[in-house]
Structure formats: structure tokens, C-alpha cells
């Protein structure tokens, strides 16, 4: 059995917040005053979590079997953390792989086993760096960035922050989404992360960074040097079958379908093993719907409607 150990970590100076609040009053900025009041009320301490045993990562080997390489490294680093009594703080991780192999799911599951929070930031949707660094309080509609908001309003100093499709980030020279990452992905400089809206240094050094990309094209070499890069393969046929079983059993519990068979026939697993982990949940959800509608307690291959078969079916009335 493993438990999650937690210690406190200071992420900002209360005195600095009080000084910033005085400046906000002088500038007549009620939004900033409220934010600073919230910071003072919550205090500067946040939890840093560490599992008590490397066994905490074992569920991920079963749930995300195609991530074995990165899990093996994380397991060693966690062992070192436990042996030395230090926080589990590793080099930022870049997961490189085709869409649908489970990169985002892995990040969410990692946060869960570490007993911390999860923040998802789509870099594909960013047209500027403001979503990460915040915007100046002098701008209309200004607000803090997602990193600062997670650290200030969350409970943990070591959330898992996943930057999705980092190679697709775009922006102007004045608001480059990549610019803030040079500071945030370095342990030394991230201890004094400056959000433009808050105007108070934050210690972001405990953040567990997970970045995802479909290719290395568009990622500057200087940024790549700050990360440990892992190529994530698609699951093998056997791994895909195992993932399908876990997704299926999870759906049965979620939907409380006690009368439906818990085992998937091999013929159904054969079809499911041809699709990505991302598609499995919807495919199985639809399949269960077809089976229940026809009064069956088990799925059959025809219940698994693949995209490649969509054009072969006609809609009946």
C-alpha cells in the first residue's frame, strides 16, 4: 500500500503581495485589489506531494502500457526522491507521438497517482503568450495566466501542467507563447516566475511539466534542451486489448450496467485493437448502447462501429 506524503512550500512573499496591493489601490484597480486580497486570505503555503512508494506508479503501467519507457525513468527518479526525502521534481517531459496514443490521458493519470492537481493548456489554441504569463493590469480585460491561477487558487505547488501540441504554438514577437517556457522549464529561473497581471514573483519550480507534440518540427532546439524527450509508440495489439478491457469495465461501473457481461469476446477485442485509445471510450459507449437497445447482455462485433465502416451503413427509419 502507498500513501501520499505532503509538505508545505512557499510560493510567494506575503509582504510582496501587501506592497502590490497598495500599488493597486493607488492605480484604482479593483480587480487587482480583489486578487491580492484572495492571495493574502489563502496564504503563501501550498502542498508538495510525493508518493511513499514507487508502487504508486504501477497502475500506470497497466493503464498506459505504451508509456513504459517514461514510466521506468519516473520510477527511478521517484525512488531517488523517496530515498533522499526530497520532493519528486524531475526534468520537464516531452511526450512525442501520433494523435490518440494517450498522451493527455497519461498526464491526467500521472497527476492522480501523485495526489496533485492537473492543468491542461492547449498550445494549439494559443495566439499569444498571455494565457501562460498573464496580461498587464493596465490592459482592458486583463487577467492572470493559467500557471499563476493554478498556483494561487489551487492547493498544490506541484500540479501537473500539460502543454498540449506545443509544436503548434503561434504568436507575434511581442507575445510569443514559447518565450515564457524558457524561464518556466528551468529550475533556477522558475523560482521567480513573474506573471504580468499579478506583478508578484511566484515560485513555479515545483510544477511537474508534461509537454506533448506530434513532431519536433517548430520546437526550438534551445527549448528541447530543457526537456527529456520520449517517443510514445501506439499500443501493441495485446496492449490495446488490455486498454479496451479497462475502458469497458470502467464504463460498466460508471453506467451501473450490472446485467451486462463483464468480459469482452475476442472477436470484439480484435476490432477494438485497431483503433487508438482516444477512440475506445466513445466506440465502446456506442457499442453498449447498441447492445442494450437490442436487449443483449454482451457485445458482438457489429456493435463496434468503426469510422472506416461508417460509409457502409445506411440510416434506417
C-alpha atoms as a PDB file:
ATOM      1  CA  UNK A   1       0.000   0.000   0.000  1.00  0.00           C
ATOM      2  CA  UNK A   2       1.220   3.522  -0.761  1.00  0.00           C
ATOM      3  CA  UNK A   3       0.174   6.825   0.745  1.00  0.00           C
ATOM      4  CA  UNK A   4       0.744  10.354  -0.482  1.00  0.00           C
ATOM      5  CA  UNK A   5       3.112  12.391   1.670  1.00  0.00           C
ATOM      6  CA  UNK A   6       2.753  16.167   1.670  1.00  0.00           C
ATOM      7  CA  UNK A   7       4.848  19.042   2.906  1.00  0.00           C
ATOM      8  CA  UNK A   8       4.305  22.778   2.613  1.00  0.00           C
ATOM      9  CA  UNK A   9       6.098  25.044   0.167  1.00  0.00           C
ATOM     10  CA  UNK A  10       6.067  28.840  -0.007  1.00  0.00           C
ATOM     11  CA  UNK A  11       5.149  30.078  -3.475  1.00  0.00           C
ATOM     12  CA  UNK A  12       5.137  33.853  -2.898  1.00  0.00           C
ATOM     13  CA  UNK A  13       6.042  36.552  -0.397  1.00  0.00           C
ATOM     14  CA  UNK A  14       3.123  37.874   1.644  1.00  0.00           C
ATOM     15  CA  UNK A  15       4.972  41.161   2.088  1.00  0.00           C
ATOM     16  CA  UNK A  16       5.351  41.477  -1.683  1.00  0.00           C
ATOM     17  CA  UNK A  17       1.612  40.908  -2.099  1.00  0.00           C
ATOM     18  CA  UNK A  18       0.817  43.581   0.510  1.00  0.00           C
ATOM     19  CA  UNK A  19       3.065  46.057  -1.303  1.00  0.00           C
ATOM     20  CA  UNK A  20       1.440  45.167  -4.631  1.00  0.00           C
ATOM     21  CA  UNK A  21      -1.983  45.668  -3.097  1.00  0.00           C
ATOM     22  CA  UNK A  22      -1.021  49.193  -2.042  1.00  0.00           C
ATOM     23  CA  UNK A  23       0.092  49.942  -5.594  1.00  0.00           C
ATOM     24  CA  UNK A  24      -3.216  48.583  -6.904  1.00  0.00           C
ATOM     25  CA  UNK A  25      -5.134  50.952  -4.622  1.00  0.00           C
ATOM     26  CA  UNK A  26      -3.091  53.859  -5.942  1.00  0.00           C
ATOM     27  CA  UNK A  27      -3.848  52.760  -9.502  1.00  0.00           C
ATOM     28  CA  UNK A  28      -7.543  52.322  -8.590  1.00  0.00           C
ATOM     29  CA  UNK A  29      -7.596  48.751  -9.893  1.00  0.00           C
ATOM     30  CA  UNK A  30     -10.404  46.909  -8.031  1.00  0.00           C
ATOM     31  CA  UNK A  31      -9.772  43.654  -9.953  1.00  0.00           C
ATOM     32  CA  UNK A  32      -6.187  43.549  -8.740  1.00  0.00           C
ATOM     33  CA  UNK A  33      -7.152  44.510  -5.201  1.00  0.00           C
ATOM     34  CA  UNK A  34      -9.590  41.591  -5.053  1.00  0.00           C
ATOM     35  CA  UNK A  35      -6.986  39.198  -6.428  1.00  0.00           C
ATOM     36  CA  UNK A  36      -4.376  40.319  -3.893  1.00  0.00           C
ATOM     37  CA  UNK A  37      -6.943  40.014  -1.108  1.00  0.00           C
ATOM     38  CA  UNK A  38      -7.549  36.451  -2.228  1.00  0.00           C
ATOM     39  CA  UNK A  39      -3.794  35.759  -2.169  1.00  0.00           C
ATOM     40  CA  UNK A  40      -3.492  37.136   1.362  1.00  0.00           C
ATOM     41  CA  UNK A  41      -6.517  35.187   2.559  1.00  0.00           C
ATOM     42  CA  UNK A  42      -5.219  31.891   1.148  1.00  0.00           C
ATOM     43  CA  UNK A  43      -1.689  32.462   2.401  1.00  0.00           C
ATOM     44  CA  UNK A  44       1.572  31.683   0.637  1.00  0.00           C
ATOM     45  CA  UNK A  45       1.862  27.987   1.538  1.00  0.00           C
ATOM     46  CA  UNK A  46       0.871  25.167  -0.820  1.00  0.00           C
ATOM     47  CA  UNK A  47       1.272  21.396  -0.619  1.00  0.00           C
ATOM     48  CA  UNK A  48       4.007  19.471  -2.407  1.00  0.00           C
ATOM     49  CA  UNK A  49       3.062  15.801  -2.702  1.00  0.00           C
ATOM     50  CA  UNK A  50       5.244  12.695  -3.014  1.00  0.00           C
ATOM     51  CA  UNK A  51       4.031   9.074  -3.055  1.00  0.00           C
ATOM     52  CA  UNK A  52       5.520   6.996  -0.249  1.00  0.00           C
ATOM     53  CA  UNK A  53       6.476   4.173  -2.628  1.00  0.00           C
ATOM     54  CA  UNK A  54       7.335   3.648  -6.288  1.00  0.00           C
ATOM     55  CA  UNK A  55       4.420   1.198  -6.329  1.00  0.00           C
ATOM     56  CA  UNK A  56       2.206   4.274  -6.783  1.00  0.00           C
ATOM     57  CA  UNK A  57       3.189   4.285 -10.465  1.00  0.00           C
ATOM     58  CA  UNK A  58       2.209   0.635 -11.009  1.00  0.00           C
ATOM     59  CA  UNK A  59      -1.392   1.391 -12.103  1.00  0.00           C
ATOM     60  CA  UNK A  60       0.010   3.495 -14.956  1.00  0.00           C
ATOM     61  CA  UNK A  61       1.954   0.521 -16.311  1.00  0.00           C
ATOM     62  CA  UNK A  62      -1.387  -1.245 -16.674  1.00  0.00           C
ATOM     63  CA  UNK A  63      -3.455   1.735 -17.796  1.00  0.00           C
ATOM     64  CA  UNK A  64      -0.835   3.247 -20.149  1.00  0.00           C
ATOM     65  CA  UNK A  65       1.320   0.267 -21.225  1.00  0.00           C
ATOM     66  CA  UNK A  66       2.843   2.076 -24.223  1.00  0.00           C
ATOM     67  CA  UNK A  67       4.399   4.639 -21.828  1.00  0.00           C
ATOM     68  CA  UNK A  68       6.727   2.083 -20.248  1.00  0.00           C
ATOM     69  CA  UNK A  69       9.930   3.962 -21.169  1.00  0.00           C
ATOM     70  CA  UNK A  70       8.935   7.201 -19.464  1.00  0.00           C
ATOM     71  CA  UNK A  71       7.435   5.291 -16.527  1.00  0.00           C
ATOM     72  CA  UNK A  72      10.671   3.371 -15.983  1.00  0.00           C
ATOM     73  CA  UNK A  73      12.566   6.656 -15.706  1.00  0.00           C
ATOM     74  CA  UNK A  74       9.936   8.250 -13.455  1.00  0.00           C
ATOM     75  CA  UNK A  75      10.030   5.205 -11.212  1.00  0.00           C
ATOM     76  CA  UNK A  76      13.818   5.569 -10.760  1.00  0.00           C
ATOM     77  CA  UNK A  77      13.536   9.309 -10.084  1.00  0.00           C
ATOM     78  CA  UNK A  78      10.744   8.727  -7.577  1.00  0.00           C
ATOM     79  CA  UNK A  79      12.920   6.134  -5.853  1.00  0.00           C
ATOM     80  CA  UNK A  80      15.704   8.701  -5.540  1.00  0.00           C
ATOM     81  CA  UNK A  81      13.249  11.257  -4.164  1.00  0.00           C
ATOM     82  CA  UNK A  82      11.967   8.825  -1.543  1.00  0.00           C
ATOM     83  CA  UNK A  83      15.497   7.739  -0.563  1.00  0.00           C
ATOM     84  CA  UNK A  84      16.681  11.314  -0.062  1.00  0.00           C
ATOM     85  CA  UNK A  85      13.476  12.751   1.345  1.00  0.00           C
ATOM     86  CA  UNK A  86      13.353  15.396  -1.389  1.00  0.00           C
ATOM     87  CA  UNK A  87      10.361  16.403  -3.484  1.00  0.00           C
ATOM     88  CA  UNK A  88       9.642  14.478  -6.682  1.00  0.00           C
ATOM     89  CA  UNK A  89      10.734  17.145  -9.126  1.00  0.00           C
ATOM     90  CA  UNK A  90      12.036  15.908 -12.477  1.00  0.00           C
ATOM     91  CA  UNK A  91      13.141  17.411 -15.747  1.00  0.00           C
ATOM     92  CA  UNK A  92      10.187  18.540 -17.921  1.00  0.00           C
ATOM     93  CA  UNK A  93       8.892  15.661 -20.029  1.00  0.00           C
ATOM     94  CA  UNK A  94       8.071  15.909 -23.750  1.00  0.00           C
ATOM     95  CA  UNK A  95       5.835  13.101 -25.000  1.00  0.00           C
ATOM     96  CA  UNK A  96       6.275  12.717 -28.735  1.00  0.00           C
ATOM     97  CA  UNK A  97       3.735  10.600 -30.592  1.00  0.00           C
ATOM     98  CA  UNK A  98       0.845  10.388 -33.029  1.00  0.00           C
ATOM     99  CA  UNK A  99      -2.567  11.822 -32.064  1.00  0.00           C
ATOM    100  CA  UNK A 100      -4.669   9.460 -29.999  1.00  0.00           C
ATOM    101  CA  UNK A 101      -1.911   7.365 -28.373  1.00  0.00           C
ATOM    102  CA  UNK A 102      -2.992   8.579 -24.919  1.00  0.00           C
ATOM    103  CA  UNK A 103      -0.615  11.440 -24.093  1.00  0.00           C
ATOM    104  CA  UNK A 104      -3.206  13.650 -22.372  1.00  0.00           C
ATOM    105  CA  UNK A 105      -4.732  10.676 -20.571  1.00  0.00           C
ATOM    106  CA  UNK A 106      -1.264   9.805 -19.270  1.00  0.00           C
ATOM    107  CA  UNK A 107      -0.835  13.321 -17.863  1.00  0.00           C
ATOM    108  CA  UNK A 108      -4.172  13.154 -16.047  1.00  0.00           C
ATOM    109  CA  UNK A 109      -3.440   9.724 -14.608  1.00  0.00           C
ATOM    110  CA  UNK A 110       0.042  10.851 -13.513  1.00  0.00           C
ATOM    111  CA  UNK A 111      -1.460  13.764 -11.577  1.00  0.00           C
ATOM    112  CA  UNK A 112      -3.901  11.370  -9.915  1.00  0.00           C
ATOM    113  CA  UNK A 113      -1.239   8.920  -8.696  1.00  0.00           C
ATOM    114  CA  UNK A 114       0.926  11.812  -7.460  1.00  0.00           C
ATOM    115  CA  UNK A 115      -2.048  13.116  -5.488  1.00  0.00           C
ATOM    116  CA  UNK A 116      -1.921  16.575  -7.035  1.00  0.00           C
ATOM    117  CA  UNK A 117      -3.908  18.787  -9.421  1.00  0.00           C
ATOM    118  CA  UNK A 118      -3.923  18.776 -13.214  1.00  0.00           C
ATOM    119  CA  UNK A 119      -3.931  21.757 -15.584  1.00  0.00           C
ATOM    120  CA  UNK A 120      -4.419  21.376 -19.347  1.00  0.00           C
ATOM    121  CA  UNK A 121      -3.239  24.155 -21.682  1.00  0.00           C
ATOM    122  CA  UNK A 122      -3.766  23.758 -25.413  1.00  0.00           C
ATOM    123  CA  UNK A 123      -0.838  25.400 -27.152  1.00  0.00           C
ATOM    124  CA  UNK A 124      -2.603  24.916 -30.491  1.00  0.00           C
ATOM    125  CA  UNK A 125      -5.260  27.372 -29.329  1.00  0.00           C
ATOM    126  CA  UNK A 126      -2.778  29.996 -28.150  1.00  0.00           C
ATOM    127  CA  UNK A 127      -2.318  33.037 -30.341  1.00  0.00           C
ATOM    128  CA  UNK A 128      -0.279  34.791 -27.673  1.00  0.00           C
ATOM    129  CA  UNK A 129       1.702  34.057 -24.551  1.00  0.00           C
ATOM    130  CA  UNK A 130      -0.819  35.819 -22.308  1.00  0.00           C
ATOM    131  CA  UNK A 131      -2.597  32.558 -21.475  1.00  0.00           C
ATOM    132  CA  UNK A 132       0.593  31.387 -19.751  1.00  0.00           C
ATOM    133  CA  UNK A 133       2.094  34.648 -18.458  1.00  0.00           C
ATOM    134  CA  UNK A 134      -0.999  36.806 -17.968  1.00  0.00           C
ATOM    135  CA  UNK A 135      -1.561  40.278 -19.379  1.00  0.00           C
ATOM    136  CA  UNK A 136      -0.666  43.673 -17.969  1.00  0.00           C
ATOM    137  CA  UNK A 137      -3.189  45.033 -15.471  1.00  0.00           C
ATOM    138  CA  UNK A 138      -3.249  48.283 -17.457  1.00  0.00           C
ATOM    139  CA  UNK A 139      -4.933  46.475 -20.380  1.00  0.00           C
ATOM    140  CA  UNK A 140      -8.681  46.224 -20.742  1.00  0.00           C
ATOM    141  CA  UNK A 141      -9.914  42.792 -19.701  1.00  0.00           C
ATOM    142  CA  UNK A 142      -6.531  41.884 -18.195  1.00  0.00           C
ATOM    143  CA  UNK A 143      -6.237  38.721 -16.120  1.00  0.00           C
ATOM    144  CA  UNK A 144      -3.588  36.384 -14.782  1.00  0.00           C
ATOM    145  CA  UNK A 145      -2.197  33.450 -16.761  1.00  0.00           C
ATOM    146  CA  UNK A 146      -3.132  29.823 -16.194  1.00  0.00           C
ATOM    147  CA  UNK A 147       0.107  28.969 -14.410  1.00  0.00           C
ATOM    148  CA  UNK A 148      -0.326  31.717 -11.826  1.00  0.00           C
ATOM    149  CA  UNK A 149      -4.012  30.989 -11.417  1.00  0.00           C
ATOM    150  CA  UNK A 150      -3.324  27.303 -10.721  1.00  0.00           C
ATOM    151  CA  UNK A 151      -0.604  28.114  -8.177  1.00  0.00           C
ATOM    152  CA  UNK A 152      -2.509  30.888  -6.424  1.00  0.00           C
ATOM    153  CA  UNK A 153      -6.019  29.434  -6.389  1.00  0.00           C
ATOM    154  CA  UNK A 154      -5.065  25.765  -6.217  1.00  0.00           C
ATOM    155  CA  UNK A 155      -3.937  23.748  -3.201  1.00  0.00           C
ATOM    156  CA  UNK A 156      -0.640  22.455  -4.579  1.00  0.00           C
ATOM    157  CA  UNK A 157       2.750  23.867  -5.521  1.00  0.00           C
ATOM    158  CA  UNK A 158       3.445  20.818  -7.727  1.00  0.00           C
ATOM    159  CA  UNK A 159       0.484  20.493 -10.092  1.00  0.00           C
ATOM    160  CA  UNK A 160       0.959  18.530 -13.300  1.00  0.00           C
ATOM    161  CA  UNK A 161       0.699  21.140 -16.070  1.00  0.00           C
ATOM    162  CA  UNK A 162       0.262  19.636 -19.530  1.00  0.00           C
ATOM    163  CA  UNK A 163       1.048  21.814 -22.554  1.00  0.00           C
ATOM    164  CA  UNK A 164      -0.673  20.102 -25.468  1.00  0.00           C
ATOM    165  CA  UNK A 165       0.663  20.228 -29.054  1.00  0.00           C
ATOM    166  CA  UNK A 166       3.471  22.572 -28.138  1.00  0.00           C
ATOM    167  CA  UNK A 167       4.853  22.486 -31.682  1.00  0.00           C
ATOM    168  CA  UNK A 168       1.709  24.285 -32.924  1.00  0.00           C
ATOM    169  CA  UNK A 169       2.039  27.350 -30.706  1.00  0.00           C
ATOM    170  CA  UNK A 170       1.915  30.611 -32.634  1.00  0.00           C
ATOM    171  CA  UNK A 171       2.259  34.254 -31.761  1.00  0.00           C
ATOM    172  CA  UNK A 172       3.886  37.569 -32.566  1.00  0.00           C
ATOM    173  CA  UNK A 173       7.345  38.651 -31.484  1.00  0.00           C
ATOM    174  CA  UNK A 174       5.665  40.728 -28.742  1.00  0.00           C
ATOM    175  CA  UNK A 175       3.647  37.798 -27.371  1.00  0.00           C
ATOM    176  CA  UNK A 176       5.482  34.607 -28.232  1.00  0.00           C
ATOM    177  CA  UNK A 177       3.842  31.664 -26.390  1.00  0.00           C
ATOM    178  CA  UNK A 178       7.222  29.902 -26.257  1.00  0.00           C
ATOM    179  CA  UNK A 179       9.033  32.806 -24.577  1.00  0.00           C
ATOM    180  CA  UNK A 180       7.788  32.133 -21.049  1.00  0.00           C
ATOM    181  CA  UNK A 181       8.733  28.459 -21.302  1.00  0.00           C
ATOM    182  CA  UNK A 182      12.439  29.255 -21.397  1.00  0.00           C
ATOM    183  CA  UNK A 183      12.080  30.570 -17.832  1.00  0.00           C
ATOM    184  CA  UNK A 184       9.435  28.132 -16.575  1.00  0.00           C
ATOM    185  CA  UNK A 185      11.231  24.965 -17.684  1.00  0.00           C
ATOM    186  CA  UNK A 186      14.457  25.890 -15.885  1.00  0.00           C
ATOM    187  CA  UNK A 187      14.508  25.086 -12.132  1.00  0.00           C
ATOM    188  CA  UNK A 188      16.577  28.129 -11.199  1.00  0.00           C
ATOM    189  CA  UNK A 189      14.671  30.794 -13.129  1.00  0.00           C
ATOM    190  CA  UNK A 190      11.234  29.301 -12.452  1.00  0.00           C
ATOM    191  CA  UNK A 191      11.651  30.123  -8.756  1.00  0.00           C
ATOM    192  CA  UNK A 192      10.885  33.742  -9.620  1.00  0.00           C
ATOM    193  CA  UNK A 193       8.191  33.445 -12.284  1.00  0.00           C
ATOM    194  CA  UNK A 194       6.635  36.827 -12.992  1.00  0.00           C
ATOM    195  CA  UNK A 195       3.016  36.916 -14.114  1.00  0.00           C
ATOM    196  CA  UNK A 196       2.280  40.217 -15.871  1.00  0.00           C
ATOM    197  CA  UNK A 197      -1.122  40.679 -14.219  1.00  0.00           C
ATOM    198  CA  UNK A 198      -0.203  39.852 -10.622  1.00  0.00           C
ATOM    199  CA  UNK A 199       3.177  41.629 -10.664  1.00  0.00           C
ATOM    200  CA  UNK A 200       4.421  39.406  -7.824  1.00  0.00           C
ATOM    201  CA  UNK A 201       7.092  36.757  -8.234  1.00  0.00           C
ATOM    202  CA  UNK A 202       5.814  33.176  -7.889  1.00  0.00           C
ATOM    203  CA  UNK A 203       7.831  30.045  -7.189  1.00  0.00           C
ATOM    204  CA  UNK A 204       6.886  27.687 -10.031  1.00  0.00           C
ATOM    205  CA  UNK A 205       9.901  25.428  -9.511  1.00  0.00           C
ATOM    206  CA  UNK A 206       7.805  22.527  -8.175  1.00  0.00           C
ATOM    207  CA  UNK A 207       5.463  22.346 -11.181  1.00  0.00           C
ATOM    208  CA  UNK A 208       5.576  18.958 -12.934  1.00  0.00           C
ATOM    209  CA  UNK A 209       5.717  19.846 -16.624  1.00  0.00           C
ATOM    210  CA  UNK A 210       4.407  17.464 -19.289  1.00  0.00           C
ATOM    211  CA  UNK A 211       4.509  18.680 -22.880  1.00  0.00           C
ATOM    212  CA  UNK A 212       3.064  16.821 -25.857  1.00  0.00           C
ATOM    213  CA  UNK A 213       3.826  17.058 -29.564  1.00  0.00           C
ATOM    214  CA  UNK A 214       3.105  15.139 -32.733  1.00  0.00           C
ATOM    215  CA  UNK A 215       6.534  16.052 -34.134  1.00  0.00           C
ATOM    216  CA  UNK A 216       9.636  18.061 -33.223  1.00  0.00           C
ATOM    217  CA  UNK A 217       9.108  20.487 -36.107  1.00  0.00           C
ATOM    218  CA  UNK A 218       8.608  24.002 -34.798  1.00  0.00           C
ATOM    219  CA  UNK A 219      10.137  23.389 -31.357  1.00  0.00           C
ATOM    220  CA  UNK A 220      13.307  25.473 -30.915  1.00  0.00           C
ATOM    221  CA  UNK A 221      16.459  23.459 -30.042  1.00  0.00           C
ATOM    222  CA  UNK A 222      17.065  25.668 -27.001  1.00  0.00           C
ATOM    223  CA  UNK A 223      13.668  24.621 -25.654  1.00  0.00           C
ATOM    224  CA  UNK A 224      14.222  20.958 -26.469  1.00  0.00           C
ATOM    225  CA  UNK A 225      17.424  21.024 -24.420  1.00  0.00           C
ATOM    226  CA  UNK A 226      15.323  21.772 -21.339  1.00  0.00           C
ATOM    227  CA  UNK A 227      13.236  18.610 -21.690  1.00  0.00           C
ATOM    228  CA  UNK A 228      13.551  14.829 -21.593  1.00  0.00           C
ATOM    229  CA  UNK A 229      12.063  13.639 -24.899  1.00  0.00           C
ATOM    230  CA  UNK A 230      10.223  10.314 -25.137  1.00  0.00           C
ATOM    231  CA  UNK A 231       8.783   8.790 -28.281  1.00  0.00           C
ATOM    232  CA  UNK A 232       5.486   7.172 -27.380  1.00  0.00           C
ATOM    233  CA  UNK A 233       4.509   4.322 -29.729  1.00  0.00           C
ATOM    234  CA  UNK A 234       0.982   3.223 -30.479  1.00  0.00           C
ATOM    235  CA  UNK A 235      -0.103   0.334 -28.218  1.00  0.00           C
ATOM    236  CA  UNK A 236       0.598  -3.174 -29.494  1.00  0.00           C
ATOM    237  CA  UNK A 237      -2.361  -5.431 -30.243  1.00  0.00           C
ATOM    238  CA  UNK A 238      -2.151  -7.039 -26.804  1.00  0.00           C
ATOM    239  CA  UNK A 239      -1.733  -3.679 -25.064  1.00  0.00           C
ATOM    240  CA  UNK A 240      -4.690  -2.245 -26.961  1.00  0.00           C
ATOM    241  CA  UNK A 241      -6.834  -5.211 -25.914  1.00  0.00           C
ATOM    242  CA  UNK A 242      -5.865  -4.615 -22.273  1.00  0.00           C
ATOM    243  CA  UNK A 243      -6.729  -0.915 -22.540  1.00  0.00           C
ATOM    244  CA  UNK A 244     -10.086  -1.777 -24.137  1.00  0.00           C
ATOM    245  CA  UNK A 245     -10.928  -4.137 -21.272  1.00  0.00           C
ATOM    246  CA  UNK A 246     -10.164  -1.475 -18.665  1.00  0.00           C
ATOM    247  CA  UNK A 247     -12.163   1.192 -20.519  1.00  0.00           C
ATOM    248  CA  UNK A 248     -15.069  -1.235 -20.923  1.00  0.00           C
ATOM    249  CA  UNK A 249     -15.114  -2.262 -17.251  1.00  0.00           C
ATOM    250  CA  UNK A 250     -14.887   1.398 -16.261  1.00  0.00           C
ATOM    251  CA  UNK A 251     -17.954   2.174 -18.378  1.00  0.00           C
ATOM    252  CA  UNK A 252     -19.920  -0.700 -16.845  1.00  0.00           C
ATOM    253  CA  UNK A 253     -19.259   0.705 -13.364  1.00  0.00           C
ATOM    254  CA  UNK A 254     -19.910   4.285 -14.434  1.00  0.00           C
ATOM    255  CA  UNK A 255     -23.227   3.387 -16.100  1.00  0.00           C
ATOM    256  CA  UNK A 256     -24.134   0.812 -13.421  1.00  0.00           C
ATOM    257  CA  UNK A 257     -24.794  -1.850 -16.063  1.00  0.00           C
ATOM    258  CA  UNK A 258     -24.734  -4.843 -13.723  1.00  0.00           C
ATOM    259  CA  UNK A 259     -26.673  -7.064 -16.136  1.00  0.00           C
ATOM    260  CA  UNK A 260     -24.120  -6.692 -18.957  1.00  0.00           C
ATOM    261  CA  UNK A 261     -21.340  -9.278 -19.275  1.00  0.00           C
ATOM    262  CA  UNK A 262     -18.025  -8.087 -17.817  1.00  0.00           C
ATOM    263  CA  UNK A 263     -15.929  -9.912 -20.410  1.00  0.00           C
ATOM    264  CA  UNK A 264     -15.450  -8.782 -24.000  1.00  0.00           C
ATOM    265  CA  UNK A 265     -15.403 -11.546 -26.632  1.00  0.00           C
ATOM    266  CA  UNK A 266     -12.121 -11.990 -28.532  1.00  0.00           C
ATOM    267  CA  UNK A 267     -13.891 -11.054 -31.764  1.00  0.00           C
ATOM    268  CA  UNK A 268     -14.820  -7.669 -30.260  1.00  0.00           C
ATOM    269  CA  UNK A 269     -11.330  -7.134 -28.839  1.00  0.00           C
ATOM    270  CA  UNK A 270      -9.844  -7.835 -32.263  1.00  0.00           C
ATOM    271  CA  UNK A 271     -11.803  -4.909 -33.726  1.00  0.00           C
ATOM    272  CA  UNK A 272     -11.088  -2.585 -30.799  1.00  0.00           C
ATOM    273  CA  UNK A 273      -7.343  -3.248 -31.002  1.00  0.00           C
ATOM    274  CA  UNK A 274      -7.268  -1.490 -34.391  1.00  0.00           C
ATOM    275  CA  UNK A 275      -8.268   1.922 -33.006  1.00  0.00           C
ATOM    276  CA  UNK A 276      -6.463   4.428 -30.792  1.00  0.00           C
ATOM    277  CA  UNK A 277      -7.015   4.631 -27.025  1.00  0.00           C
ATOM    278  CA  UNK A 278      -8.655   8.036 -27.573  1.00  0.00           C
ATOM    279  CA  UNK A 279     -11.406   6.466 -29.717  1.00  0.00           C
ATOM    280  CA  UNK A 280     -12.091   3.476 -27.475  1.00  0.00           C
ATOM    281  CA  UNK A 281     -14.350   5.127 -24.928  1.00  0.00           C
ATOM    282  CA  UNK A 282     -16.816   6.528 -27.465  1.00  0.00           C
ATOM    283  CA  UNK A 283     -16.707   3.354 -29.558  1.00  0.00           C
ATOM    284  CA  UNK A 284     -17.459   1.187 -26.522  1.00  0.00           C
ATOM    285  CA  UNK A 285     -20.103   3.605 -25.248  1.00  0.00           C
ATOM    286  CA  UNK A 286     -21.852   3.426 -28.606  1.00  0.00           C
ATOM    287  CA  UNK A 287     -21.446  -0.344 -28.673  1.00  0.00           C
ATOM    288  CA  UNK A 288     -23.061  -0.722 -25.262  1.00  0.00           C
ATOM    289  CA  UNK A 289     -25.913   1.459 -26.472  1.00  0.00           C
ATOM    290  CA  UNK A 290     -26.483  -0.782 -29.491  1.00  0.00           C
ATOM    291  CA  UNK A 291     -26.360  -3.944 -27.377  1.00  0.00           C
ATOM    292  CA  UNK A 292     -28.738  -2.672 -24.681  1.00  0.00           C
ATOM    293  CA  UNK A 293     -31.175  -1.342 -27.294  1.00  0.00           C
ATOM    294  CA  UNK A 294     -31.384  -4.836 -28.788  1.00  0.00           C
ATOM    295  CA  UNK A 295     -31.796  -6.488 -25.391  1.00  0.00           C
ATOM    296  CA  UNK A 296     -28.425  -8.249 -25.382  1.00  0.00           C
ATOM    297  CA  UNK A 297     -26.147  -8.686 -22.363  1.00  0.00           C
ATOM    298  CA  UNK A 298     -22.942  -8.978 -24.394  1.00  0.00           C
ATOM    299  CA  UNK A 299     -21.316  -7.015 -27.197  1.00  0.00           C
ATOM    300  CA  UNK A 300     -20.917  -8.525 -30.639  1.00  0.00           C
ATOM    301  CA  UNK A 301     -18.534  -7.365 -33.390  1.00  0.00           C
ATOM    302  CA  UNK A 302     -21.325  -5.466 -35.186  1.00  0.00           C
ATOM    303  CA  UNK A 303     -21.728  -3.258 -32.104  1.00  0.00           C
ATOM    304  CA  UNK A 304     -18.216  -1.918 -32.659  1.00  0.00           C
ATOM    305  CA  UNK A 305     -18.848   0.670 -35.377  1.00  0.00           C
ATOM    306  CA  UNK A 306     -15.505   1.869 -36.706  1.00  0.00           C
ATOM    307  CA  UNK A 307     -15.088   5.052 -38.718  1.00  0.00           C
ATOM    308  CA  UNK A 308     -13.956   3.006 -41.695  1.00  0.00           C
ATOM    309  CA  UNK A 309     -17.320   1.265 -41.670  1.00  0.00           C
ATOM    310  CA  UNK A 310     -19.413   4.414 -41.443  1.00  0.00           C
ATOM    311  CA  UNK A 311     -19.873   4.689 -45.192  1.00  0.00           C
ATOM    312  CA  UNK A 312     -21.047   1.101 -45.414  1.00  0.00           C
ATOM    313  CA  UNK A 313     -24.076   1.630 -43.156  1.00  0.00           C
ATOM    314  CA  UNK A 314     -27.360   3.181 -44.100  1.00  0.00           C
ATOM    315  CA  UNK A 315     -29.562   5.093 -41.693  1.00  0.00           C
ATOM    316  CA  UNK A 316     -32.945   3.430 -41.337  1.00  0.00           C
ATOM    317  CA  UNK A 317     -36.228   4.908 -40.156  1.00  0.00           C
END
